[in-house]
Amino acid sequence: MAAPVYTMVEMAKVYCLNVYKYLKYLLEHLPEILMSDACLAKLALWAQGVTEVCSGTME
């Protein structure tokens, strides 16, 4: 179970996102187990809303 989380953390670093902010963003925006592909696409590391909210390094 740790491998997917580790992958998300490392990918967030690649996209220069604040890891804490990104993981928090995911947890806040994953209210349902069954989500459409369009909803999941909005949570992708490269999605505009994600980069705006989660950019920057760890403080």
Protein backbone atom coordinates (compact mmCIF):
# COMPACT_ATOMS: atom_id res chain seq x y z
CA MET A 1 0.00 0.00 0.00
CA ALA A 2 2.95 2.34 0.51
CA ALA A 3 4.12 2.11 -3.11
CA PRO A 4 1.23 4.15 -4.61
CA VAL A 5 1.68 6.87 -1.97
CA TYR A 6 5.43 6.94 -2.55
CA THR A 7 4.81 7.25 -6.29
CA MET A 8 2.41 10.18 -5.75
CA VAL A 9 4.96 11.90 -3.51
CA GLU A 10 7.78 11.48 -6.01
CA MET A 11 5.61 12.61 -8.93
CA ALA A 12 4.55 15.69 -6.98
CA LYS A 13 8.24 16.51 -6.55
CA VAL A 14 8.83 16.10 -10.29
CA TYR A 15 6.04 18.59 -11.00
CA CYS A 16 7.49 20.99 -8.38
CA LEU A 17 4.42 20.74 -6.17
CA ASN A 18 4.34 21.04 -2.41
CA VAL A 19 3.92 17.39 -1.40
CA TYR A 20 1.93 18.16 1.74
CA LYS A 21 -0.43 20.48 -0.12
CA TYR A 22 -0.93 17.93 -2.92
CA LEU A 23 -1.69 15.01 -0.60
CA LYS A 24 -4.04 17.22 1.43
CA TYR A 25 -5.72 18.38 -1.80
CA LEU A 26 -6.24 14.77 -2.90
CA LEU A 27 -7.75 13.74 0.40
CA GLU A 28 -10.09 16.73 0.41
CA HIS A 29 -11.22 16.16 -3.17
CA LEU A 30 -11.68 12.39 -3.18
CA PRO A 31 -15.11 12.16 -1.53
CA GLU A 32 -16.26 9.15 -3.53
CA ILE A 33 -14.71 5.85 -4.47
CA LEU A 34 -16.50 5.83 -7.82
CA MET A 35 -15.47 8.88 -9.79
CA SER A 36 -15.66 9.49 -13.52
CA ASP A 37 -12.50 9.81 -15.57
CA ALA A 38 -13.23 13.52 -15.98
CA CYS A 39 -13.34 13.99 -12.19
CA LEU A 40 -10.10 12.06 -11.73
CA ALA A 41 -8.42 14.10 -14.48
CA LYS A 42 -9.05 17.23 -12.41
CA LEU A 43 -6.86 15.72 -9.67
CA ALA A 44 -3.90 14.96 -11.95
CA LEU A 45 -0.58 16.54 -11.08
CA TRP A 46 -0.60 18.59 -14.28
CA ALA A 47 -4.18 19.87 -13.95
CA GLN A 48 -4.33 23.66 -13.78
CA GLY A 49 -6.29 23.79 -10.51
CA VAL A 50 -3.84 21.43 -8.82
CA THR A 51 -0.76 23.36 -9.90
CA GLU A 52 -2.31 26.62 -8.73
CA VAL A 53 -3.22 25.32 -5.27
CA CYS A 54 -0.26 23.02 -4.64
CA SER A 55 2.72 24.76 -6.24
CA GLY A 56 5.80 25.60 -4.25
CA THR A 57 8.17 23.73 -2.06
CA MET A 58 7.62 22.49 1.45
CA GLU A 59 7.78 25.33 3.94
